Amino acid sequence: MTMKFDVRAGWAMAAALCLLAPVSASAADEAVSESDRFFLDEAAGACRGGDFAAFLWPFANSEAVRARYGAGGVKDFPIVMIDYSYVTSASERLFEAKGGDASQLVYVQVDFSTSPDGTQRVDWVPGRFEPGEGDGPGTLIEKTGPGGALHFRRTADCWQLTGDIRNPARGR
């Protein structure tokens, strides 16, 4: 059995599909997940509002946000936020791999500071915490490992990661 195709009809169908496709959508935008779109919107709002602490949350939790704000090459960002607490990225991966086993999470203390030139610094250190009132892990009572510092430079419309300094582990 021989099948014939009408080439003109095929081209007409292709042209019609092109007209239906949104003109502004790029391949990169199509590849962004709904979660990343949410984080990109949150980051943009924090940038507009000049709220660095609010910016760090989507930056830490989304590779798409890191790519947009100048840290696309950083594959192993050291911290992420779960609920209202920062944890190490490595422990978050274990948490996910073990089906949400919260005992895998290593909570970190996060401290923000601003230098006179406007650079934002985020010092972080994993530790053991005494539960406190409200959100977050509580009060740091013991450091349990090396931490680091993140440096962000203010740009015309937001912040850009300029340094990710990891403190070396100390020998015992």
C-alpha atoms as a PDB file:
ATOM      1  CA  MET A   1       0.000   0.000   0.000  1.00  0.00           C
ATOM      2  CA  THR A   2       1.378   3.366  -1.017  1.00  0.00           C
ATOM      3  CA  MET A   3       0.575   6.467   1.015  1.00  0.00           C
ATOM      4  CA  LYS A   4       0.643   9.920  -0.496  1.00  0.00           C
ATOM      5  CA  PHE A   5       1.208  13.069   1.471  1.00  0.00           C
ATOM      6  CA  ASP A   6       0.133  16.495   0.346  1.00  0.00           C
ATOM      7  CA  VAL A   7       3.257  18.567   0.956  1.00  0.00           C
ATOM      8  CA  ARG A   8       1.309  21.833   0.638  1.00  0.00           C
ATOM      9  CA  ALA A   9      -1.049  20.748   3.403  1.00  0.00           C
ATOM     10  CA  GLY A  10       1.915  19.871   5.625  1.00  0.00           C
ATOM     11  CA  TRP A  11       3.484  23.308   5.109  1.00  0.00           C
ATOM     12  CA  ALA A  12       0.139  24.968   5.764  1.00  0.00           C
ATOM     13  CA  MET A  13      -0.207  23.045   9.041  1.00  0.00           C
ATOM     14  CA  ALA A  14       3.342  24.011  10.096  1.00  0.00           C
ATOM     15  CA  ALA A  15       2.676  27.664   9.309  1.00  0.00           C
ATOM     16  CA  ALA A  16      -0.560  27.583  11.321  1.00  0.00           C
ATOM     17  CA  LEU A  17       1.240  26.069  14.329  1.00  0.00           C
ATOM     18  CA  CYS A  18       3.904  28.787  14.145  1.00  0.00           C
ATOM     19  CA  LEU A  19       1.202  31.443  14.237  1.00  0.00           C
ATOM     20  CA  LEU A  20      -0.312  29.855  17.341  1.00  0.00           C
ATOM     21  CA  ALA A  21       3.002  29.734  19.230  1.00  0.00           C
ATOM     22  CA  PRO A  22       3.649  32.698  21.519  1.00  0.00           C
ATOM     23  CA  VAL A  23       6.079  35.095  19.904  1.00  0.00           C
ATOM     24  CA  SER A  24       7.858  36.084  23.134  1.00  0.00           C
ATOM     25  CA  ALA A  25       8.566  32.579  24.412  1.00  0.00           C
ATOM     26  CA  SER A  26      12.175  31.544  24.088  1.00  0.00           C
ATOM     27  CA  ALA A  27      13.574  28.059  24.360  1.00  0.00           C
ATOM     28  CA  ALA A  28      15.165  29.021  27.691  1.00  0.00           C
ATOM     29  CA  ASP A  29      11.830  30.262  29.088  1.00  0.00           C
ATOM     30  CA  GLU A  30      10.118  27.034  28.039  1.00  0.00           C
ATOM     31  CA  ALA A  31      12.743  24.989  29.894  1.00  0.00           C
ATOM     32  CA  VAL A  32      12.135  26.826  33.192  1.00  0.00           C
ATOM     33  CA  SER A  33       9.989  24.876  35.629  1.00  0.00           C
ATOM     34  CA  GLU A  34       6.980  26.318  37.401  1.00  0.00           C
ATOM     35  CA  SER A  35       8.995  26.274  40.638  1.00  0.00           C
ATOM     36  CA  ASP A  36      11.828  28.222  39.015  1.00  0.00           C
ATOM     37  CA  ARG A  37       9.351  30.748  37.582  1.00  0.00           C
ATOM     38  CA  PHE A  38       8.052  31.278  41.121  1.00  0.00           C
ATOM     39  CA  PHE A  39      11.576  31.778  42.489  1.00  0.00           C
ATOM     40  CA  LEU A  40      12.474  34.122  39.603  1.00  0.00           C
ATOM     41  CA  ASP A  41       9.399  36.238  40.415  1.00  0.00           C
ATOM     42  CA  GLU A  42      10.296  36.258  44.138  1.00  0.00           C
ATOM     43  CA  ALA A  43      13.877  37.301  43.364  1.00  0.00           C
ATOM     44  CA  ALA A  44      12.712  40.076  41.034  1.00  0.00           C
ATOM     45  CA  GLY A  45      10.373  41.401  43.738  1.00  0.00           C
ATOM     46  CA  ALA A  46      13.164  41.349  46.341  1.00  0.00           C
ATOM     47  CA  CYS A  47      15.434  43.183  43.894  1.00  0.00           C
ATOM     48  CA  ARG A  48      12.814  45.863  43.242  1.00  0.00           C
ATOM     49  CA  GLY A  49      12.250  46.248  46.972  1.00  0.00           C
ATOM     50  CA  GLY A  50      15.972  46.289  47.824  1.00  0.00           C
ATOM     51  CA  ASP A  51      15.447  43.416  50.302  1.00  0.00           C
ATOM     52  CA  PHE A  52      18.616  41.327  50.233  1.00  0.00           C
ATOM     53  CA  ALA A  53      17.479  38.779  52.850  1.00  0.00           C
ATOM     54  CA  ALA A  54      14.357  38.120  50.761  1.00  0.00           C
ATOM     55  CA  PHE A  55      16.562  37.804  47.661  1.00  0.00           C
ATOM     56  CA  LEU A  56      18.827  35.158  49.205  1.00  0.00           C
ATOM     57  CA  TRP A  57      15.974  32.669  49.652  1.00  0.00           C
ATOM     58  CA  PRO A  58      15.117  32.278  45.924  1.00  0.00           C
ATOM     59  CA  PHE A  59      18.795  32.633  44.988  1.00  0.00           C
ATOM     60  CA  ALA A  60      19.738  29.729  47.267  1.00  0.00           C
ATOM     61  CA  ASN A  61      16.825  27.548  46.165  1.00  0.00           C
ATOM     62  CA  SER A  62      16.865  27.941  42.375  1.00  0.00           C
ATOM     63  CA  GLU A  63      19.553  27.309  39.805  1.00  0.00           C
ATOM     64  CA  ALA A  64      17.533  29.452  37.374  1.00  0.00           C
ATOM     65  CA  VAL A  65      17.743  32.426  39.761  1.00  0.00           C
ATOM     66  CA  ARG A  66      21.494  31.889  40.203  1.00  0.00           C
ATOM     67  CA  ALA A  67      21.900  31.803  36.416  1.00  0.00           C
ATOM     68  CA  ARG A  68      19.868  34.996  35.974  1.00  0.00           C
ATOM     69  CA  TYR A  69      21.773  36.894  38.672  1.00  0.00           C
ATOM     70  CA  GLY A  70      25.293  35.972  37.681  1.00  0.00           C
ATOM     71  CA  ALA A  71      26.096  32.704  39.392  1.00  0.00           C
ATOM     72  CA  GLY A  72      25.156  30.265  36.662  1.00  0.00           C
ATOM     73  CA  GLY A  73      28.435  28.401  37.025  1.00  0.00           C
ATOM     74  CA  VAL A  74      27.822  27.697  40.717  1.00  0.00           C
ATOM     75  CA  LYS A  75      26.440  24.168  40.699  1.00  0.00           C
ATOM     76  CA  ASP A  76      26.980  23.419  44.377  1.00  0.00           C
ATOM     77  CA  PHE A  77      25.625  26.487  46.164  1.00  0.00           C
ATOM     78  CA  PRO A  78      26.292  25.744  49.852  1.00  0.00           C
ATOM     79  CA  ILE A  79      22.896  26.469  51.433  1.00  0.00           C
ATOM     80  CA  VAL A  80      19.179  26.146  50.696  1.00  0.00           C
ATOM     81  CA  MET A  81      16.133  27.143  52.692  1.00  0.00           C
ATOM     82  CA  ILE A  82      13.567  24.574  53.793  1.00  0.00           C
ATOM     83  CA  ASP A  83      10.527  26.023  55.516  1.00  0.00           C
ATOM     84  CA  TYR A  84      12.022  28.906  57.515  1.00  0.00           C
ATOM     85  CA  SER A  85      15.513  27.511  58.057  1.00  0.00           C
ATOM     86  CA  TYR A  86      18.691  27.354  56.040  1.00  0.00           C
ATOM     87  CA  VAL A  87      20.368  23.955  55.742  1.00  0.00           C
ATOM     88  CA  THR A  88      23.444  22.742  53.893  1.00  0.00           C
ATOM     89  CA  SER A  89      22.785  21.822  50.274  1.00  0.00           C
ATOM     90  CA  ALA A  90      24.486  18.472  50.811  1.00  0.00           C
ATOM     91  CA  SER A  91      22.104  17.606  53.649  1.00  0.00           C
ATOM     92  CA  GLU A  92      19.102  18.714  51.590  1.00  0.00           C
ATOM     93  CA  ARG A  93      20.124  16.271  48.854  1.00  0.00           C
ATOM     94  CA  LEU A  94      20.310  13.457  51.458  1.00  0.00           C
ATOM     95  CA  PHE A  95      16.936  14.542  52.843  1.00  0.00           C
ATOM     96  CA  GLU A  96      15.395  14.223  49.361  1.00  0.00           C
ATOM     97  CA  ALA A  97      17.169  10.932  48.624  1.00  0.00           C
ATOM     98  CA  LYS A  98      15.955   9.388  51.890  1.00  0.00           C
ATOM     99  CA  GLY A  99      12.317  10.284  51.252  1.00  0.00           C
ATOM    100  CA  GLY A 100      12.127  13.388  53.434  1.00  0.00           C
ATOM    101  CA  ASP A 101      13.967  12.038  56.465  1.00  0.00           C
ATOM    102  CA  ALA A 102      14.429  15.233  58.522  1.00  0.00           C
ATOM    103  CA  SER A 103      17.264  13.667  60.536  1.00  0.00           C
ATOM    104  CA  GLN A 104      19.430  14.134  57.426  1.00  0.00           C
ATOM    105  CA  LEU A 105      19.154  17.939  57.552  1.00  0.00           C
ATOM    106  CA  VAL A 106      22.124  19.947  58.818  1.00  0.00           C
ATOM    107  CA  TYR A 107      20.856  23.355  59.895  1.00  0.00           C
ATOM    108  CA  VAL A 108      23.021  26.438  59.520  1.00  0.00           C
ATOM    109  CA  GLN A 109      23.259  29.800  61.247  1.00  0.00           C
ATOM    110  CA  VAL A 110      23.053  32.589  58.671  1.00  0.00           C
ATOM    111  CA  ASP A 111      24.234  36.122  59.484  1.00  0.00           C
ATOM    112  CA  PHE A 112      23.890  39.090  57.141  1.00  0.00           C
ATOM    113  CA  SER A 113      26.116  42.155  57.040  1.00  0.00           C
ATOM    114  CA  THR A 114      26.560  45.081  54.679  1.00  0.00           C
ATOM    115  CA  SER A 115      29.891  46.763  54.015  1.00  0.00           C
ATOM    116  CA  PRO A 116      30.178  50.530  53.465  1.00  0.00           C
ATOM    117  CA  ASP A 117      30.424  49.971  49.689  1.00  0.00           C
ATOM    118  CA  GLY A 118      27.073  48.136  49.722  1.00  0.00           C
ATOM    119  CA  THR A 119      28.463  44.620  49.378  1.00  0.00           C
ATOM    120  CA  GLN A 120      26.266  42.091  51.141  1.00  0.00           C
ATOM    121  CA  ARG A 121      27.979  39.332  53.092  1.00  0.00           C
ATOM    122  CA  VAL A 122      26.302  36.145  54.265  1.00  0.00           C
ATOM    123  CA  ASP A 123      28.238  34.165  56.855  1.00  0.00           C
ATOM    124  CA  TRP A 124      26.940  30.639  57.390  1.00  0.00           C
ATOM    125  CA  VAL A 125      27.971  27.839  59.719  1.00  0.00           C
ATOM    126  CA  PRO A 126      26.369  24.445  60.413  1.00  0.00           C
ATOM    127  CA  GLY A 127      25.519  23.737  63.993  1.00  0.00           C
ATOM    128  CA  ARG A 128      23.392  22.317  66.733  1.00  0.00           C
ATOM    129  CA  PHE A 129      20.562  24.559  67.821  1.00  0.00           C
ATOM    130  CA  GLU A 130      18.449  24.981  70.905  1.00  0.00           C
ATOM    131  CA  PRO A 131      14.852  25.342  69.752  1.00  0.00           C
ATOM    132  CA  GLY A 132      13.501  28.825  70.147  1.00  0.00           C
ATOM    133  CA  GLU A 133      10.192  30.543  69.714  1.00  0.00           C
ATOM    134  CA  GLY A 134       8.901  31.225  66.234  1.00  0.00           C
ATOM    135  CA  ASP A 135      10.339  30.184  62.900  1.00  0.00           C
ATOM    136  CA  GLY A 136      13.859  28.964  62.292  1.00  0.00           C
ATOM    137  CA  PRO A 137      16.141  26.449  63.940  1.00  0.00           C
ATOM    138  CA  GLY A 138      16.569  28.371  67.204  1.00  0.00           C
ATOM    139  CA  THR A 139      19.726  29.519  68.961  1.00  0.00           C
ATOM    140  CA  LEU A 140      23.096  28.190  67.821  1.00  0.00           C
ATOM    141  CA  ILE A 141      24.686  26.342  70.737  1.00  0.00           C
ATOM    142  CA  GLU A 142      27.476  24.469  68.955  1.00  0.00           C
ATOM    143  CA  LYS A 143      29.191  24.727  65.573  1.00  0.00           C
ATOM    144  CA  THR A 144      29.338  21.288  63.986  1.00  0.00           C
ATOM    145  CA  GLY A 145      31.445  21.910  60.906  1.00  0.00           C
ATOM    146  CA  PRO A 146      33.082  24.424  58.635  1.00  0.00           C
ATOM    147  CA  GLY A 147      30.923  27.094  57.082  1.00  0.00           C
ATOM    148  CA  GLY A 148      31.734  29.901  54.765  1.00  0.00           C
ATOM    149  CA  ALA A 149      30.908  33.345  53.486  1.00  0.00           C
ATOM    150  CA  LEU A 150      29.017  34.511  50.420  1.00  0.00           C
ATOM    151  CA  HIS A 151      29.659  37.962  48.932  1.00  0.00           C
ATOM    152  CA  PHE A 152      27.136  39.793  46.764  1.00  0.00           C
ATOM    153  CA  ARG A 153      27.788  43.052  44.893  1.00  0.00           C
ATOM    154  CA  ARG A 154      24.914  45.444  44.275  1.00  0.00           C
ATOM    155  CA  THR A 155      24.204  45.880  40.568  1.00  0.00           C
ATOM    156  CA  ALA A 156      22.007  48.442  38.830  1.00  0.00           C
ATOM    157  CA  ASP A 157      18.887  46.357  39.424  1.00  0.00           C
ATOM    158  CA  CYS A 158      19.758  43.602  41.927  1.00  0.00           C
ATOM    159  CA  TRP A 159      22.736  41.698  43.421  1.00  0.00           C
ATOM    160  CA  GLN A 160      25.352  39.436  41.912  1.00  0.00           C
ATOM    161  CA  LEU A 161      27.330  36.710  43.664  1.00  0.00           C
ATOM    162  CA  THR A 162      31.005  37.687  43.623  1.00  0.00           C
ATOM    163  CA  GLY A 163      32.456  35.281  46.175  1.00  0.00           C
ATOM    164  CA  ASP A 164      31.732  31.867  47.656  1.00  0.00           C
ATOM    165  CA  ILE A 165      34.351  31.199  50.299  1.00  0.00           C
ATOM    166  CA  ARG A 166      34.244  27.814  51.988  1.00  0.00           C
ATOM    167  CA  ASN A 167      36.081  27.427  55.278  1.00  0.00           C
ATOM    168  CA  PRO A 168      38.304  24.346  55.317  1.00  0.00           C
ATOM    169  CA  ALA A 169      37.482  21.496  57.671  1.00  0.00           C
ATOM    170  CA  ARG A 170      39.800  21.355  60.643  1.00  0.00           C
ATOM    171  CA  GLY A 171      41.736  18.178  61.391  1.00  0.00           C
ATOM    172  CA  ARG A 172      41.144  16.590  64.772  1.00  0.00           C
END
